[in-house]
Amino acid sequence: MSTTSRLNDEFRSTFEDGRIFMTAAVTALPTEVRAAAIVAVQAHTVFTRDNDPYEDRDWARFELGGQRFVWIIDCYDETRTYASKNPCDPDITTRV
């Protein structure tokens, strides 16, 4: 497992050391559905060549209650303005 995929797994499963954003459509869902979606993201562990071709573990899609969801991890610099110069370095990378 690469450093980037390990760091993405840690962030996805704990939501620590990064920022979480939801689209307006997800925010508008009932609290129970939103909570179930968050749990589904944190519990996701099935990565294959089809859903993770670069082996970064930085996105996936799933269905919940008949609705489709996509989650993505982007790696930004400390100011969250530009892409991180080195996503393997947590000191200069903010995961979003």
PDB file of N, CA and C in Angstrom:
ATOM      1  N   MET A   1       0.846  -1.178   0.000  1.00  0.00           N
ATOM      2  CA  MET A   1       0.000   0.000   0.000  1.00  0.00           C
ATOM      3  C   MET A   1       0.890   1.240   0.000  1.00  0.00           C
ATOM      4  N   SER A   2       0.558   2.202  -0.842  1.00  0.00           N
ATOM      5  CA  SER A   2       1.356   3.423  -0.931  1.00  0.00           C
ATOM      6  C   SER A   2       1.074   4.334   0.267  1.00  0.00           C
ATOM      7  N   THR A   3       1.954   5.293   0.477  1.00  0.00           N
ATOM      8  CA  THR A   3       1.759   6.262   1.557  1.00  0.00           C
ATOM      9  C   THR A   3       0.483   7.061   1.323  1.00  0.00           C
ATOM     10  N   THR A   4       0.241   7.466   0.079  1.00  0.00           N
ATOM     11  CA  THR A   4      -0.964   8.238  -0.231  1.00  0.00           C
ATOM     12  C   THR A   4      -2.219   7.439   0.082  1.00  0.00           C
ATOM     13  N   SER A   5      -2.268   6.178  -0.313  1.00  0.00           N
ATOM     14  CA  SER A   5      -3.461   5.380  -0.035  1.00  0.00           C
ATOM     15  C   SER A   5      -3.635   5.156   1.463  1.00  0.00           C
ATOM     16  N   ARG A   6      -2.547   4.967   2.191  1.00  0.00           N
ATOM     17  CA  ARG A   6      -2.633   4.792   3.647  1.00  0.00           C
ATOM     18  C   ARG A   6      -3.181   6.059   4.301  1.00  0.00           C
ATOM     19  N   LEU A   7      -2.657   7.227   3.895  1.00  0.00           N
ATOM     20  CA  LEU A   7      -3.123   8.494   4.456  1.00  0.00           C
ATOM     21  C   LEU A   7      -4.585   8.758   4.084  1.00  0.00           C
ATOM     22  N   ASN A   8      -4.965   8.420   2.861  1.00  0.00           N
ATOM     23  CA  ASN A   8      -6.365   8.579   2.453  1.00  0.00           C
ATOM     24  C   ASN A   8      -7.272   7.664   3.273  1.00  0.00           C
ATOM     25  N   ASP A   9      -6.840   6.427   3.498  1.00  0.00           N
ATOM     26  CA  ASP A   9      -7.619   5.508   4.336  1.00  0.00           C
ATOM     27  C   ASP A   9      -7.786   6.053   5.752  1.00  0.00           C
ATOM     28  N   GLU A  10      -6.708   6.558   6.318  1.00  0.00           N
ATOM     29  CA  GLU A  10      -6.775   7.100   7.676  1.00  0.00           C
ATOM     30  C   GLU A  10      -7.751   8.267   7.747  1.00  0.00           C
ATOM     31  N   PHE A  11      -7.664   9.168   6.766  1.00  0.00           N
ATOM     32  CA  PHE A  11      -8.568  10.323   6.759  1.00  0.00           C
ATOM     33  C   PHE A  11     -10.012   9.879   6.564  1.00  0.00           C
ATOM     34  N   ARG A  12     -10.249   9.025   5.582  1.00  0.00           N
ATOM     35  CA  ARG A  12     -11.614   8.585   5.280  1.00  0.00           C
ATOM     36  C   ARG A  12     -12.252   7.876   6.470  1.00  0.00           C
ATOM     37  N   SER A  13     -11.497   7.072   7.153  1.00  0.00           N
ATOM     38  CA  SER A  13     -12.080   6.277   8.236  1.00  0.00           C
ATOM     39  C   SER A  13     -12.231   7.049   9.543  1.00  0.00           C
ATOM     40  N   THR A  14     -11.502   8.149   9.709  1.00  0.00           N
ATOM     41  CA  THR A  14     -11.569   8.905  10.961  1.00  0.00           C
ATOM     42  C   THR A  14     -12.035  10.349  10.786  1.00  0.00           C
ATOM     43  N   PHE A  15     -11.872  10.909   9.581  1.00  0.00           N
ATOM     44  CA  PHE A  15     -12.144  12.325   9.285  1.00  0.00           C
ATOM     45  C   PHE A  15     -11.251  13.247  10.114  1.00  0.00           C
ATOM     46  N   GLU A  16     -10.118  12.753  10.582  1.00  0.00           N
ATOM     47  CA  GLU A  16      -9.174  13.573  11.342  1.00  0.00           C
ATOM     48  C   GLU A  16      -8.121  14.146  10.396  1.00  0.00           C
ATOM     49  N   ASP A  17      -7.606  15.305  10.765  1.00  0.00           N
ATOM     50  CA  ASP A  17      -6.522  15.957  10.016  1.00  0.00           C
ATOM     51  C   ASP A  17      -6.927  16.308   8.587  1.00  0.00           C
ATOM     52  N   GLY A  18      -8.131  16.816   8.436  1.00  0.00           N
ATOM     53  CA  GLY A  18      -8.594  17.243   7.129  1.00  0.00           C
ATOM     54  C   GLY A  18      -9.880  18.019   7.256  1.00  0.00           C
ATOM     55  N   ARG A  19     -10.546  18.231   6.154  1.00  0.00           N
ATOM     56  CA  ARG A  19     -11.808  18.976   6.130  1.00  0.00           C
ATOM     57  C   ARG A  19     -12.862  18.143   5.430  1.00  0.00           C
ATOM     58  N   ILE A  20     -14.081  18.214   5.908  1.00  0.00           N
ATOM     59  CA  ILE A  20     -15.199  17.484   5.323  1.00  0.00           C
ATOM     60  C   ILE A  20     -16.171  18.496   4.721  1.00  0.00           C
ATOM     61  N   PHE A  21     -16.572  18.256   3.494  1.00  0.00           N
ATOM     62  CA  PHE A  21     -17.580  19.077   2.839  1.00  0.00           C
ATOM     63  C   PHE A  21     -18.642  18.162   2.250  1.00  0.00           C
ATOM     64  N   MET A  22     -19.875  18.640   2.252  1.00  0.00           N
ATOM     65  CA  MET A  22     -20.972  17.914   1.623  1.00  0.00           C
ATOM     66  C   MET A  22     -21.638  18.841   0.620  1.00  0.00           C
ATOM     67  N   THR A  23     -22.143  18.240  -0.435  1.00  0.00           N
ATOM     68  CA  THR A  23     -22.897  19.036  -1.391  1.00  0.00           C
ATOM     69  C   THR A  23     -24.196  19.501  -0.743  1.00  0.00           C
ATOM     70  N   ALA A  24     -24.823  20.483  -1.352  1.00  0.00           N
ATOM     71  CA  ALA A  24     -26.101  20.967  -0.840  1.00  0.00           C
ATOM     72  C   ALA A  24     -27.145  19.858  -0.862  1.00  0.00           C
ATOM     73  N   ALA A  25     -27.088  18.999  -1.881  1.00  0.00           N
ATOM     74  CA  ALA A  25     -28.063  17.905  -1.974  1.00  0.00           C
ATOM     75  C   ALA A  25     -27.913  16.924  -0.813  1.00  0.00           C
ATOM     76  N   VAL A  26     -26.694  16.614  -0.418  1.00  0.00           N
ATOM     77  CA  VAL A  26     -26.483  15.705   0.713  1.00  0.00           C
ATOM     78  C   VAL A  26     -26.875  16.403   2.013  1.00  0.00           C
ATOM     79  N   THR A  27     -26.525  17.658   2.151  1.00  0.00           N
ATOM     80  CA  THR A  27     -26.879  18.405   3.359  1.00  0.00           C
ATOM     81  C   THR A  27     -28.391  18.479   3.547  1.00  0.00           C
ATOM     82  N   ALA A  28     -29.133  18.514   2.446  1.00  0.00           N
ATOM     83  CA  ALA A  28     -30.593  18.617   2.521  1.00  0.00           C
ATOM     84  C   ALA A  28     -31.283  17.296   2.875  1.00  0.00           C
ATOM     85  N   LEU A  29     -30.554  16.204   2.870  1.00  0.00           N
ATOM     86  CA  LEU A  29     -31.148  14.908   3.201  1.00  0.00           C
ATOM     87  C   LEU A  29     -31.521  14.848   4.682  1.00  0.00           C
ATOM     88  N   PRO A  30     -32.464  13.979   5.031  1.00  0.00           N
ATOM     89  CA  PRO A  30     -32.776  13.794   6.453  1.00  0.00           C
ATOM     90  C   PRO A  30     -31.523  13.378   7.231  1.00  0.00           C
ATOM     91  N   THR A  31     -31.471  13.763   8.474  1.00  0.00           N
ATOM     92  CA  THR A  31     -30.305  13.490   9.320  1.00  0.00           C
ATOM     93  C   THR A  31     -29.929  12.015   9.329  1.00  0.00           C
ATOM     94  N   GLU A  32     -30.910  11.135   9.385  1.00  0.00           N
ATOM     95  CA  GLU A  32     -30.632   9.704   9.445  1.00  0.00           C
ATOM     96  C   GLU A  32     -29.945   9.216   8.172  1.00  0.00           C
ATOM     97  N   VAL A  33     -30.372   9.717   7.027  1.00  0.00           N
ATOM     98  CA  VAL A  33     -29.763   9.312   5.753  1.00  0.00           C
ATOM     99  C   VAL A  33     -28.351   9.856   5.664  1.00  0.00           C
ATOM    100  N   ARG A  34     -28.172  11.124   6.049  1.00  0.00           N
ATOM    101  CA  ARG A  34     -26.834  11.729   6.047  1.00  0.00           C
ATOM    102  C   ARG A  34     -25.892  10.952   6.957  1.00  0.00           C
ATOM    103  N   ALA A  35     -26.358  10.600   8.135  1.00  0.00           N
ATOM    104  CA  ALA A  35     -25.527   9.839   9.082  1.00  0.00           C
ATOM    105  C   ALA A  35     -25.163   8.476   8.510  1.00  0.00           C
ATOM    106  N   ALA A  36     -26.110   7.816   7.873  1.00  0.00           N
ATOM    107  CA  ALA A  36     -25.830   6.505   7.270  1.00  0.00           C
ATOM    108  C   ALA A  36     -24.818   6.638   6.134  1.00  0.00           C
ATOM    109  N   ALA A  37     -24.892   7.714   5.371  1.00  0.00           N
ATOM    110  CA  ALA A  37     -23.929   7.939   4.289  1.00  0.00           C
ATOM    111  C   ALA A  37     -22.527   8.165   4.855  1.00  0.00           C
ATOM    112  N   ILE A  38     -22.433   8.910   5.925  1.00  0.00           N
ATOM    113  CA  ILE A  38     -21.132   9.153   6.566  1.00  0.00           C
ATOM    114  C   ILE A  38     -20.538   7.834   7.062  1.00  0.00           C
ATOM    115  N   VAL A  39     -21.348   7.024   7.698  1.00  0.00           N
ATOM    116  CA  VAL A  39     -20.886   5.718   8.173  1.00  0.00           C
ATOM    117  C   VAL A  39     -20.429   4.860   6.991  1.00  0.00           C
ATOM    118  N   ALA A  40     -21.174   4.897   5.888  1.00  0.00           N
ATOM    119  CA  ALA A  40     -20.806   4.110   4.706  1.00  0.00           C
ATOM    120  C   ALA A  40     -19.462   4.546   4.143  1.00  0.00           C
ATOM    121  N   VAL A  41     -19.197   5.850   4.122  1.00  0.00           N
ATOM    122  CA  VAL A  41     -17.907   6.350   3.638  1.00  0.00           C
ATOM    123  C   VAL A  41     -16.795   5.864   4.557  1.00  0.00           C
ATOM    124  N   GLN A  42     -16.980   6.025   5.851  1.00  0.00           N
ATOM    125  CA  GLN A  42     -15.936   5.629   6.794  1.00  0.00           C
ATOM    126  C   GLN A  42     -15.690   4.125   6.793  1.00  0.00           C
ATOM    127  N   ALA A  43     -16.694   3.341   6.512  1.00  0.00           N
ATOM    128  CA  ALA A  43     -16.564   1.880   6.534  1.00  0.00           C
ATOM    129  C   ALA A  43     -16.109   1.292   5.207  1.00  0.00           C
ATOM    130  N   HIS A  44     -16.028   2.114   4.167  1.00  0.00           N
ATOM    131  CA  HIS A  44     -15.687   1.582   2.835  1.00  0.00           C
ATOM    132  C   HIS A  44     -14.282   0.980   2.830  1.00  0.00           C
ATOM    133  N   THR A  45     -14.184  -0.268   2.392  1.00  0.00           N
ATOM    134  CA  THR A  45     -12.871  -0.931   2.334  1.00  0.00           C
ATOM    135  C   THR A  45     -12.663  -1.716   1.046  1.00  0.00           C
ATOM    136  N   VAL A  46     -13.656  -1.726   0.175  1.00  0.00           N
ATOM    137  CA  VAL A  46     -13.554  -2.536  -1.045  1.00  0.00           C
ATOM    138  C   VAL A  46     -13.047  -1.668  -2.192  1.00  0.00           C
ATOM    139  N   PHE A  47     -11.771  -1.818  -2.478  1.00  0.00           N
ATOM    140  CA  PHE A  47     -11.145  -1.093  -3.580  1.00  0.00           C
ATOM    141  C   PHE A  47     -10.660  -2.115  -4.598  1.00  0.00           C
ATOM    142  N   THR A  48     -11.027  -1.879  -5.849  1.00  0.00           N
ATOM    143  CA  THR A  48     -10.640  -2.777  -6.936  1.00  0.00           C
ATOM    144  C   THR A  48     -10.042  -1.955  -8.067  1.00  0.00           C
ATOM    145  N   ARG A  49      -9.550  -2.628  -9.080  1.00  0.00           N
ATOM    146  CA  ARG A  49      -9.033  -1.910 -10.248  1.00  0.00           C
ATOM    147  C   ARG A  49     -10.122  -1.080 -10.916  1.00  0.00           C
ATOM    148  N   ASP A  50     -11.376  -1.535 -10.813  1.00  0.00           N
ATOM    149  CA  ASP A  50     -12.480  -0.793 -11.423  1.00  0.00           C
ATOM    150  C   ASP A  50     -12.775   0.515 -10.699  1.00  0.00           C
ATOM    151  N   ASN A  51     -12.739   0.505  -9.365  1.00  0.00           N
ATOM    152  CA  ASN A  51     -13.076   1.730  -8.636  1.00  0.00           C
ATOM    153  C   ASN A  51     -11.858   2.445  -8.059  1.00  0.00           C
ATOM    154  N   ASP A  52     -10.673   1.898  -8.261  1.00  0.00           N
ATOM    155  CA  ASP A  52      -9.454   2.523  -7.730  1.00  0.00           C
ATOM    156  C   ASP A  52      -8.270   2.231  -8.662  1.00  0.00           C
ATOM    157  N   PRO A  53      -8.342   2.687  -9.920  1.00  0.00           N
ATOM    158  CA  PRO A  53      -7.320   2.308 -10.900  1.00  0.00           C
ATOM    159  C   PRO A  53      -5.910   2.795 -10.561  1.00  0.00           C
ATOM    160  N   TYR A  54      -5.798   3.886  -9.800  1.00  0.00           N
ATOM    161  CA  TYR A  54      -4.470   4.410  -9.459  1.00  0.00           C
ATOM    162  C   TYR A  54      -4.017   3.979  -8.070  1.00  0.00           C
ATOM    163  N   GLU A  55      -4.851   3.182  -7.400  1.00  0.00           N
ATOM    164  CA  GLU A  55      -4.560   2.649  -6.067  1.00  0.00           C
ATOM    165  C   GLU A  55      -4.264   3.738  -5.037  1.00  0.00           C
ATOM    166  N   ASP A  56      -5.008   4.859  -5.143  1.00  0.00           N
ATOM    167  CA  ASP A  56      -4.882   5.952  -4.181  1.00  0.00           C
ATOM    168  C   ASP A  56      -5.965   5.925  -3.108  1.00  0.00           C
ATOM    169  N   ARG A  57      -6.999   5.116  -3.331  1.00  0.00           N
ATOM    170  CA  ARG A  57      -8.118   5.028  -2.394  1.00  0.00           C
ATOM    171  C   ARG A  57      -8.707   6.411  -2.112  1.00  0.00           C
ATOM    172  N   ASP A  58      -8.911   7.177  -3.180  1.00  0.00           N
ATOM    173  CA  ASP A  58      -9.352   8.561  -3.023  1.00  0.00           C
ATOM    174  C   ASP A  58     -10.780   8.833  -3.489  1.00  0.00           C
ATOM    175  N   TRP A  59     -11.524   7.803  -3.906  1.00  0.00           N
ATOM    176  CA  TRP A  59     -12.928   8.011  -4.257  1.00  0.00           C
ATOM    177  C   TRP A  59     -13.633   6.673  -4.383  1.00  0.00           C
ATOM    178  N   ALA A  60     -14.931   6.737  -4.273  1.00  0.00           N
ATOM    179  CA  ALA A  60     -15.777   5.570  -4.532  1.00  0.00           C
ATOM    180  C   ALA A  60     -17.213   6.058  -4.657  1.00  0.00           C
ATOM    181  N   ARG A  61     -18.046   5.179  -5.147  1.00  0.00           N
ATOM    182  CA  ARG A  61     -19.478   5.485  -5.211  1.00  0.00           C
ATOM    183  C   ARG A  61     -20.222   4.330  -4.565  1.00  0.00           C
ATOM    184  N   PHE A  62     -21.412   4.654  -4.069  1.00  0.00           N
ATOM    185  CA  PHE A  62     -22.235   3.622  -3.439  1.00  0.00           C
ATOM    186  C   PHE A  62     -23.690   4.057  -3.492  1.00  0.00           C
ATOM    187  N   GLU A  63     -24.574   3.107  -3.264  1.00  0.00           N
ATOM    188  CA  GLU A  63     -26.004   3.391  -3.191  1.00  0.00           C
ATOM    189  C   GLU A  63     -26.481   3.162  -1.768  1.00  0.00           C
ATOM    190  N   LEU A  64     -27.397   4.009  -1.363  1.00  0.00           N
ATOM    191  CA  LEU A  64     -27.951   3.927  -0.016  1.00  0.00           C
ATOM    192  C   LEU A  64     -29.403   4.389  -0.092  1.00  0.00           C
ATOM    193  N   GLY A  65     -30.312   3.540   0.280  1.00  0.00           N
ATOM    194  CA  GLY A  65     -31.718   3.901   0.254  1.00  0.00           C
ATOM    195  C   GLY A  65     -32.215   4.332  -1.113  1.00  0.00           C
ATOM    196  N   GLY A  66     -31.673   3.701  -2.156  1.00  0.00           N
ATOM    197  CA  GLY A  66     -32.093   4.036  -3.514  1.00  0.00           C
ATOM    198  C   GLY A  66     -31.455   5.294  -4.087  1.00  0.00           C
ATOM    199  N   GLN A  67     -30.537   5.901  -3.343  1.00  0.00           N
ATOM    200  CA  GLN A  67     -29.852   7.102  -3.818  1.00  0.00           C
ATOM    201  C   GLN A  67     -28.383   6.794  -4.060  1.00  0.00           C
ATOM    202  N   ARG A  68     -27.808   7.438  -5.048  1.00  0.00           N
ATOM    203  CA  ARG A  68     -26.392   7.252  -5.365  1.00  0.00           C
ATOM    204  C   ARG A  68     -25.560   8.335  -4.699  1.00  0.00           C
ATOM    205  N   PHE A  69     -24.426   7.910  -4.180  1.00  0.00           N
ATOM    206  CA  PHE A  69     -23.492   8.823  -3.523  1.00  0.00           C
ATOM    207  C   PHE A  69     -22.102   8.620  -4.120  1.00  0.00           C
ATOM    208  N   VAL A  70     -21.323   9.680  -4.124  1.00  0.00           N
ATOM    209  CA  VAL A  70     -19.916   9.629  -4.512  1.00  0.00           C
ATOM    210  C   VAL A  70     -19.142  10.383  -3.446  1.00  0.00           C
ATOM    211  N   TRP A  71     -18.037   9.802  -3.005  1.00  0.00           N
ATOM    212  CA  TRP A  71     -17.135  10.541  -2.125  1.00  0.00           C
ATOM    213  C   TRP A  71     -15.769  10.637  -2.797  1.00  0.00           C
ATOM    214  N   ILE A  72     -15.095  11.737  -2.532  1.00  0.00           N
ATOM    215  CA  ILE A  72     -13.795  12.014  -3.160  1.00  0.00           C
ATOM    216  C   ILE A  72     -12.889  12.632  -2.109  1.00  0.00           C
ATOM    217  N   ILE A  73     -11.623  12.251  -2.123  1.00  0.00           N
ATOM    218  CA  ILE A  73     -10.616  12.905  -1.294  1.00  0.00           C
ATOM    219  C   ILE A  73      -9.674  13.650  -2.235  1.00  0.00           C
ATOM    220  N   ASP A  74      -9.591  14.959  -2.042  1.00  0.00           N
ATOM    221  CA  ASP A  74      -8.633  15.775  -2.787  1.00  0.00           C
ATOM    222  C   ASP A  74      -7.535  16.208  -1.828  1.00  0.00           C
ATOM    223  N   CYS A  75      -6.322  16.338  -2.341  1.00  0.00           N
ATOM    224  CA  CYS A  75      -5.181  16.732  -1.518  1.00  0.00           C
ATOM    225  C   CYS A  75      -4.747  18.140  -1.910  1.00  0.00           C
ATOM    226  N   TYR A  76      -4.924  19.073  -0.975  1.00  0.00           N
ATOM    227  CA  TYR A  76      -4.583  20.475  -1.200  1.00  0.00           C
ATOM    228  C   TYR A  76      -3.368  20.878  -0.374  1.00  0.00           C
ATOM    229  N   ASP A  77      -2.853  22.056  -0.688  1.00  0.00           N
ATOM    230  CA  ASP A  77      -1.793  22.628   0.138  1.00  0.00           C
ATOM    231  C   ASP A  77      -2.399  23.062   1.469  1.00  0.00           C
ATOM    232  N   GLU A  78      -1.569  23.615   2.345  1.00  0.00           N
ATOM    233  CA  GLU A  78      -2.024  23.986   3.684  1.00  0.00           C
ATOM    234  C   GLU A  78      -3.128  25.026   3.671  1.00  0.00           C
ATOM    235  N   THR A  79      -3.187  25.868   2.631  1.00  0.00           N
ATOM    236  CA  THR A  79      -4.194  26.919   2.555  1.00  0.00           C
ATOM    237  C   THR A  79      -5.454  26.458   1.825  1.00  0.00           C
ATOM    238  N   ARG A  80      -5.441  25.238   1.320  1.00  0.00           N
ATOM    239  CA  ARG A  80      -6.536  24.671   0.535  1.00  0.00           C
ATOM    240  C   ARG A  80      -6.828  25.499  -0.714  1.00  0.00           C
ATOM    241  N   THR A  81      -5.757  26.073  -1.287  1.00  0.00           N
ATOM    242  CA  THR A  81      -5.892  26.882  -2.498  1.00  0.00           C
ATOM    243  C   THR A  81      -5.426  26.120  -3.726  1.00  0.00           C
ATOM    244  N   TYR A  82      -4.358  25.377  -3.590  1.00  0.00           N
ATOM    245  CA  TYR A  82      -3.751  24.655  -4.704  1.00  0.00           C
ATOM    246  C   TYR A  82      -3.602  23.170  -4.350  1.00  0.00           C
ATOM    247  N   ALA A  83      -3.350  22.381  -5.357  1.00  0.00           N
ATOM    248  CA  ALA A  83      -3.065  20.965  -5.120  1.00  0.00           C
ATOM    249  C   ALA A  83      -1.786  20.844  -4.298  1.00  0.00           C
ATOM    250  N   SER A  84      -1.747  19.849  -3.445  1.00  0.00           N
ATOM    251  CA  SER A  84      -0.550  19.612  -2.641  1.00  0.00           C
ATOM    252  C   SER A  84       0.618  19.248  -3.556  1.00  0.00           C
ATOM    253  N   LYS A  85       1.781  19.776  -3.238  1.00  0.00           N
ATOM    254  CA  LYS A  85       2.988  19.426  -4.000  1.00  0.00           C
ATOM    255  C   LYS A  85       3.420  17.998  -3.712  1.00  0.00           C
ATOM    256  N   ASN A  86       3.022  17.491  -2.523  1.00  0.00           N
ATOM    257  CA  ASN A  86       3.401  16.138  -2.149  1.00  0.00           C
ATOM    258  C   ASN A  86       2.327  15.535  -1.240  1.00  0.00           C
ATOM    259  N   PRO A  87       1.318  14.858  -1.808  1.00  0.00           N
ATOM    260  CA  PRO A  87       0.252  14.280  -0.988  1.00  0.00           C
ATOM    261  C   PRO A  87       0.727  13.262   0.044  1.00  0.00           C
ATOM    262  N   CYS A  88       1.965  12.802  -0.086  1.00  0.00           N
ATOM    263  CA  CYS A  88       2.519  11.850   0.890  1.00  0.00           C
ATOM    264  C   CYS A  88       3.025  12.552   2.146  1.00  0.00           C
ATOM    265  N   ASP A  89       3.093  13.874   2.112  1.00  0.00           N
ATOM    266  CA  ASP A  89       3.608  14.629   3.250  1.00  0.00           C
ATOM    267  C   ASP A  89       2.446  15.300   3.977  1.00  0.00           C
ATOM    268  N   PRO A  90       2.016  14.743   5.108  1.00  0.00           N
ATOM    269  CA  PRO A  90       0.871  15.328   5.810  1.00  0.00           C
ATOM    270  C   PRO A  90       1.148  16.716   6.399  1.00  0.00           C
ATOM    271  N   ASP A  91       2.420  17.095   6.499  1.00  0.00           N
ATOM    272  CA  ASP A  91       2.755  18.413   7.030  1.00  0.00           C
ATOM    273  C   ASP A  91       2.438  19.532   6.037  1.00  0.00           C
ATOM    274  N   ILE A  92       2.354  19.216   4.755  1.00  0.00           N
ATOM    275  CA  ILE A  92       2.060  20.243   3.748  1.00  0.00           C
ATOM    276  C   ILE A  92       0.781  19.946   2.967  1.00  0.00           C
ATOM    277  N   THR A  93       0.017  18.950   3.437  1.00  0.00           N
ATOM    278  CA  THR A  93      -1.180  18.523   2.718  1.00  0.00           C
ATOM    279  C   THR A  93      -2.400  18.570   3.611  1.00  0.00           C
ATOM    280  N   THR A  94      -3.478  19.127   3.082  1.00  0.00           N
ATOM    281  CA  THR A  94      -4.778  19.085   3.748  1.00  0.00           C
ATOM    282  C   THR A  94      -5.698  18.235   2.905  1.00  0.00           C
ATOM    283  N   ARG A  95      -6.203  17.178   3.473  1.00  0.00           N
ATOM    284  CA  ARG A  95      -7.142  16.317   2.762  1.00  0.00           C
ATOM    285  C   ARG A  95      -8.549  16.860   2.923  1.00  0.00           C
ATOM    286  N   VAL A  96      -9.271  16.898   1.810  1.00  0.00           N
ATOM    287  CA  VAL A  96     -10.635  17.447   1.781  1.00  0.00           C
ATOM    288  C   VAL A  96     -11.538  16.437   1.127  1.00  0.00           C
TER     289      VAL A  96
END
